[in-house]
N, C-alpha and C. Protein backbone atom coordinates (compact mmCIF):
# COMPACT_ATOMS: atom_id res chain seq x y z
N MET A 1 0.82 -1.19 0.00
CA MET A 1 0.00 0.00 0.00
C MET A 1 0.86 1.25 0.00
N LYS A 2 0.28 2.29 -0.52
CA LYS A 2 0.99 3.56 -0.58
C LYS A 2 1.09 4.18 0.81
N GLY A 3 2.00 5.12 0.92
CA GLY A 3 2.14 5.91 2.14
C GLY A 3 1.89 7.36 1.81
N TYR A 4 1.39 8.08 2.78
CA TYR A 4 1.07 9.50 2.58
C TYR A 4 1.52 10.31 3.78
N TRP A 5 1.96 11.51 3.48
CA TRP A 5 2.11 12.52 4.52
C TRP A 5 0.92 13.45 4.34
N ILE A 6 0.24 13.75 5.41
CA ILE A 6 -0.79 14.77 5.41
C ILE A 6 -0.23 15.90 6.26
N ILE A 7 -0.02 17.05 5.63
CA ILE A 7 0.57 18.20 6.31
C ILE A 7 -0.48 19.30 6.39
N ILE A 8 -0.78 19.71 7.61
CA ILE A 8 -1.75 20.77 7.85
C ILE A 8 -0.98 21.93 8.46
N GLY A 9 -1.01 23.07 7.78
CA GLY A 9 -0.17 24.18 8.24
C GLY A 9 -0.86 25.53 8.24
N THR A 10 -0.25 26.42 8.99
CA THR A 10 -0.71 27.82 9.01
C THR A 10 -0.17 28.51 7.75
N GLU A 11 -0.54 29.76 7.59
CA GLU A 11 0.03 30.53 6.49
C GLU A 11 1.54 30.64 6.69
N VAL A 12 2.26 30.72 5.59
CA VAL A 12 3.72 30.84 5.66
C VAL A 12 4.06 32.23 6.21
N SER A 13 4.85 32.24 7.28
CA SER A 13 5.25 33.51 7.88
C SER A 13 6.70 33.88 7.55
N ASP A 14 7.46 32.92 7.05
CA ASP A 14 8.86 33.16 6.68
C ASP A 14 9.08 32.59 5.28
N GLN A 15 8.91 33.44 4.29
CA GLN A 15 8.99 33.00 2.89
C GLN A 15 10.39 32.53 2.52
N GLU A 16 11.40 33.14 3.11
CA GLU A 16 12.77 32.73 2.83
C GLU A 16 13.02 31.30 3.31
N ALA A 17 12.55 30.98 4.50
CA ALA A 17 12.69 29.61 5.02
C ALA A 17 11.89 28.64 4.17
N GLN A 18 10.72 29.04 3.72
CA GLN A 18 9.89 28.17 2.87
C GLN A 18 10.59 27.89 1.54
N SER A 19 11.22 28.90 0.98
CA SER A 19 11.96 28.71 -0.28
C SER A 19 13.13 27.76 -0.09
N GLU A 20 13.84 27.89 1.02
CA GLU A 20 14.96 26.99 1.29
C GLU A 20 14.46 25.57 1.49
N TYR A 21 13.35 25.41 2.18
CA TYR A 21 12.75 24.09 2.34
C TYR A 21 12.44 23.48 0.96
N GLY A 22 11.84 24.26 0.10
CA GLY A 22 11.52 23.78 -1.25
C GLY A 22 12.76 23.36 -2.02
N ARG A 23 13.83 24.12 -1.90
CA ARG A 23 15.08 23.79 -2.58
C ARG A 23 15.65 22.47 -2.04
N LEU A 24 15.65 22.32 -0.74
CA LEU A 24 16.17 21.09 -0.13
C LEU A 24 15.26 19.89 -0.36
N TRP A 25 13.97 20.14 -0.48
CA TRP A 25 13.00 19.06 -0.67
C TRP A 25 13.13 18.37 -2.03
N GLN A 26 13.49 19.10 -3.07
CA GLN A 26 13.51 18.54 -4.42
C GLN A 26 14.30 17.23 -4.53
N PRO A 27 15.57 17.17 -4.14
CA PRO A 27 16.30 15.90 -4.27
C PRO A 27 15.77 14.81 -3.33
N ILE A 28 15.22 15.20 -2.19
CA ILE A 28 14.65 14.22 -1.27
C ILE A 28 13.41 13.60 -1.90
N ALA A 29 12.57 14.42 -2.50
CA ALA A 29 11.36 13.92 -3.16
C ALA A 29 11.72 12.94 -4.28
N GLN A 30 12.75 13.26 -5.04
CA GLN A 30 13.18 12.36 -6.11
C GLN A 30 13.66 11.03 -5.53
N LYS A 31 14.46 11.09 -4.49
CA LYS A 31 15.01 9.88 -3.87
C LYS A 31 13.90 8.95 -3.40
N TYR A 32 12.82 9.50 -2.83
CA TYR A 32 11.75 8.69 -2.26
C TYR A 32 10.51 8.60 -3.17
N GLN A 33 10.63 9.11 -4.39
CA GLN A 33 9.56 9.05 -5.38
C GLN A 33 8.27 9.69 -4.87
N ALA A 34 8.42 10.80 -4.16
CA ALA A 34 7.29 11.50 -3.56
C ALA A 34 6.61 12.40 -4.57
N ARG A 35 5.29 12.43 -4.49
CA ARG A 35 4.49 13.32 -5.34
C ARG A 35 3.62 14.19 -4.44
N ILE A 36 3.70 15.50 -4.64
CA ILE A 36 2.90 16.42 -3.84
C ILE A 36 1.54 16.62 -4.48
N ASN A 37 0.50 16.53 -3.64
CA ASN A 37 -0.89 16.68 -4.08
C ASN A 37 -1.15 15.95 -5.40
N PRO A 38 -1.03 14.61 -5.37
CA PRO A 38 -1.29 13.86 -6.60
C PRO A 38 -2.66 14.21 -7.16
N SER A 39 -2.79 14.19 -8.47
CA SER A 39 -3.97 14.71 -9.16
C SER A 39 -5.29 14.09 -8.68
N LYS A 40 -5.25 12.87 -8.20
CA LYS A 40 -6.51 12.24 -7.78
C LYS A 40 -6.94 12.67 -6.38
N VAL A 41 -6.13 13.46 -5.69
CA VAL A 41 -6.42 13.90 -4.34
C VAL A 41 -6.57 15.41 -4.32
N SER A 42 -7.70 15.89 -3.83
CA SER A 42 -7.94 17.34 -3.72
C SER A 42 -8.28 17.67 -2.28
N PRO A 43 -7.27 18.07 -1.49
CA PRO A 43 -7.56 18.38 -0.10
C PRO A 43 -8.43 19.62 0.03
N LEU A 44 -9.41 19.54 0.89
CA LEU A 44 -10.30 20.67 1.13
C LEU A 44 -10.38 20.86 2.64
N LEU A 45 -9.82 21.93 3.12
CA LEU A 45 -9.81 22.22 4.54
C LEU A 45 -11.12 22.90 4.90
N LYS A 46 -11.93 22.24 5.71
CA LYS A 46 -13.25 22.76 6.04
C LYS A 46 -13.34 23.29 7.47
N GLU A 47 -12.67 22.65 8.42
CA GLU A 47 -12.74 23.09 9.80
C GLU A 47 -11.32 23.22 10.33
N ALA A 48 -10.96 24.41 10.77
CA ALA A 48 -9.61 24.63 11.27
C ALA A 48 -9.60 25.88 12.13
N ARG A 49 -8.69 25.88 13.09
CA ARG A 49 -8.52 27.08 13.91
C ARG A 49 -7.50 27.99 13.26
N ASP A 50 -6.24 27.54 13.22
CA ASP A 50 -5.17 28.35 12.65
C ASP A 50 -4.72 27.85 11.29
N ALA A 51 -5.06 26.63 10.95
CA ALA A 51 -4.59 26.03 9.70
C ALA A 51 -5.19 26.74 8.49
N ARG A 52 -4.37 26.87 7.47
CA ARG A 52 -4.80 27.50 6.22
C ARG A 52 -4.45 26.66 4.99
N ARG A 53 -3.57 25.66 5.20
CA ARG A 53 -3.08 24.89 4.06
C ARG A 53 -3.10 23.40 4.39
N VAL A 54 -3.40 22.59 3.39
CA VAL A 54 -3.28 21.13 3.50
C VAL A 54 -2.47 20.66 2.31
N THR A 55 -1.45 19.88 2.59
CA THR A 55 -0.63 19.31 1.53
C THR A 55 -0.62 17.81 1.72
N ILE A 56 -0.81 17.10 0.62
CA ILE A 56 -0.73 15.64 0.65
C ILE A 56 0.48 15.23 -0.19
N VAL A 57 1.33 14.41 0.42
CA VAL A 57 2.51 13.91 -0.27
C VAL A 57 2.36 12.40 -0.38
N GLU A 58 2.38 11.89 -1.60
CA GLU A 58 2.18 10.46 -1.86
C GLU A 58 3.52 9.78 -2.10
N PHE A 59 3.71 8.61 -1.49
CA PHE A 59 4.89 7.78 -1.66
C PHE A 59 4.45 6.42 -2.18
N PRO A 60 5.32 5.72 -2.90
CA PRO A 60 4.96 4.39 -3.41
C PRO A 60 4.60 3.39 -2.30
N SER A 61 5.14 3.60 -1.09
CA SER A 61 4.84 2.69 0.01
C SER A 61 4.89 3.44 1.34
N TYR A 62 4.25 2.84 2.32
CA TYR A 62 4.27 3.37 3.68
C TYR A 62 5.69 3.38 4.23
N GLN A 63 6.46 2.35 3.90
CA GLN A 63 7.84 2.25 4.36
C GLN A 63 8.68 3.41 3.82
N LEU A 64 8.47 3.77 2.55
CA LEU A 64 9.21 4.90 1.99
C LEU A 64 8.79 6.22 2.64
N ALA A 65 7.52 6.36 2.97
CA ALA A 65 7.04 7.57 3.63
C ALA A 65 7.72 7.74 4.98
N LYS A 66 7.82 6.67 5.73
CA LYS A 66 8.49 6.73 7.04
C LYS A 66 9.99 6.95 6.88
N ALA A 67 10.60 6.25 5.92
CA ALA A 67 12.05 6.39 5.71
C ALA A 67 12.41 7.81 5.29
N CYS A 68 11.59 8.41 4.47
CA CYS A 68 11.85 9.78 4.03
C CYS A 68 11.85 10.72 5.23
N TYR A 69 10.87 10.59 6.11
CA TYR A 69 10.79 11.46 7.27
C TYR A 69 12.01 11.29 8.17
N ASP A 70 12.52 10.07 8.26
CA ASP A 70 13.65 9.77 9.13
C ASP A 70 15.01 10.04 8.49
N ASP A 71 15.03 10.39 7.21
CA ASP A 71 16.27 10.64 6.48
C ASP A 71 16.97 11.88 7.04
N ALA A 72 18.28 11.82 7.20
CA ALA A 72 19.05 12.96 7.72
C ALA A 72 18.89 14.20 6.85
N ALA A 73 18.79 14.01 5.54
CA ALA A 73 18.61 15.16 4.64
C ALA A 73 17.26 15.83 4.90
N TYR A 74 16.24 15.02 5.19
CA TYR A 74 14.94 15.63 5.50
C TYR A 74 14.95 16.30 6.86
N GLU A 75 15.71 15.78 7.79
CA GLU A 75 15.82 16.42 9.10
C GLU A 75 16.32 17.85 8.95
N GLU A 76 17.31 18.03 8.07
CA GLU A 76 17.82 19.38 7.79
C GLU A 76 16.74 20.25 7.15
N ALA A 77 16.07 19.71 6.13
CA ALA A 77 15.03 20.46 5.43
C ALA A 77 13.87 20.82 6.36
N ARG A 78 13.51 19.89 7.22
CA ARG A 78 12.38 20.07 8.13
C ARG A 78 12.57 21.31 9.02
N GLN A 79 13.81 21.60 9.40
CA GLN A 79 14.06 22.77 10.24
C GLN A 79 13.60 24.06 9.54
N PHE A 80 13.76 24.12 8.23
CA PHE A 80 13.29 25.29 7.48
C PHE A 80 11.77 25.29 7.38
N ALA A 81 11.17 24.13 7.20
CA ALA A 81 9.71 24.04 7.13
C ALA A 81 9.09 24.53 8.44
N LEU A 82 9.68 24.14 9.55
CA LEU A 82 9.15 24.52 10.85
C LEU A 82 9.36 26.00 11.15
N ARG A 83 10.37 26.59 10.54
CA ARG A 83 10.58 28.03 10.67
C ARG A 83 9.60 28.81 9.79
N ALA A 84 9.21 28.20 8.68
CA ALA A 84 8.34 28.88 7.72
C ALA A 84 6.90 29.00 8.21
N SER A 85 6.41 27.98 8.92
CA SER A 85 5.03 28.00 9.40
C SER A 85 4.85 26.94 10.48
N ASN A 86 3.76 27.07 11.22
CA ASN A 86 3.38 26.03 12.16
C ASN A 86 2.65 24.95 11.38
N ARG A 87 2.91 23.68 11.72
CA ARG A 87 2.27 22.62 10.96
C ARG A 87 2.19 21.34 11.77
N GLU A 88 1.32 20.48 11.32
CA GLU A 88 1.17 19.12 11.84
C GLU A 88 1.40 18.19 10.67
N LEU A 89 2.10 17.08 10.90
CA LEU A 89 2.38 16.13 9.83
C LEU A 89 2.00 14.73 10.31
N LEU A 90 1.13 14.08 9.55
CA LEU A 90 0.72 12.72 9.84
C LEU A 90 1.25 11.82 8.74
N ILE A 91 1.66 10.61 9.09
CA ILE A 91 2.06 9.62 8.09
C ILE A 91 1.02 8.51 8.16
N ILE A 92 0.40 8.20 7.02
CA ILE A 92 -0.62 7.18 7.00
C ILE A 92 -0.39 6.21 5.86
N GLU A 93 -0.98 5.05 5.98
CA GLU A 93 -0.91 4.01 4.95
C GLU A 93 -2.28 3.85 4.33
N GLY A 94 -2.34 3.66 3.03
CA GLY A 94 -3.61 3.47 2.38
C GLY A 94 -3.51 3.69 0.89
N ASP A 95 -4.66 3.90 0.28
CA ASP A 95 -4.73 4.20 -1.15
C ASP A 95 -5.90 5.12 -1.38
N PHE A 96 -5.62 6.34 -1.80
CA PHE A 96 -6.67 7.33 -2.01
C PHE A 96 -7.32 7.22 -3.39
N ALA A 97 -6.96 6.19 -4.14
CA ALA A 97 -7.51 6.06 -5.50
C ALA A 97 -8.99 5.76 -5.48
């Protein structure tokens, strides 16, 4: 089964940190075959206090989703993501098809 990250975040408050996260994320995404907001998934945030954004990241497997999060390169990138906005990240297994 596929693995997914569900990221629920506030508005970006540090655009520079967000840009650096994006730059660092590109090779990590390639390594783990991650796809952001795959076309068959349309997140719609309906109830939230501070959250303004939902991002879905699809991986070929749950194991790859977990391995990506635990990768040292992602640990570095994550520091920029956390500086850019407040967010919650869930890792789940399933198939949204």
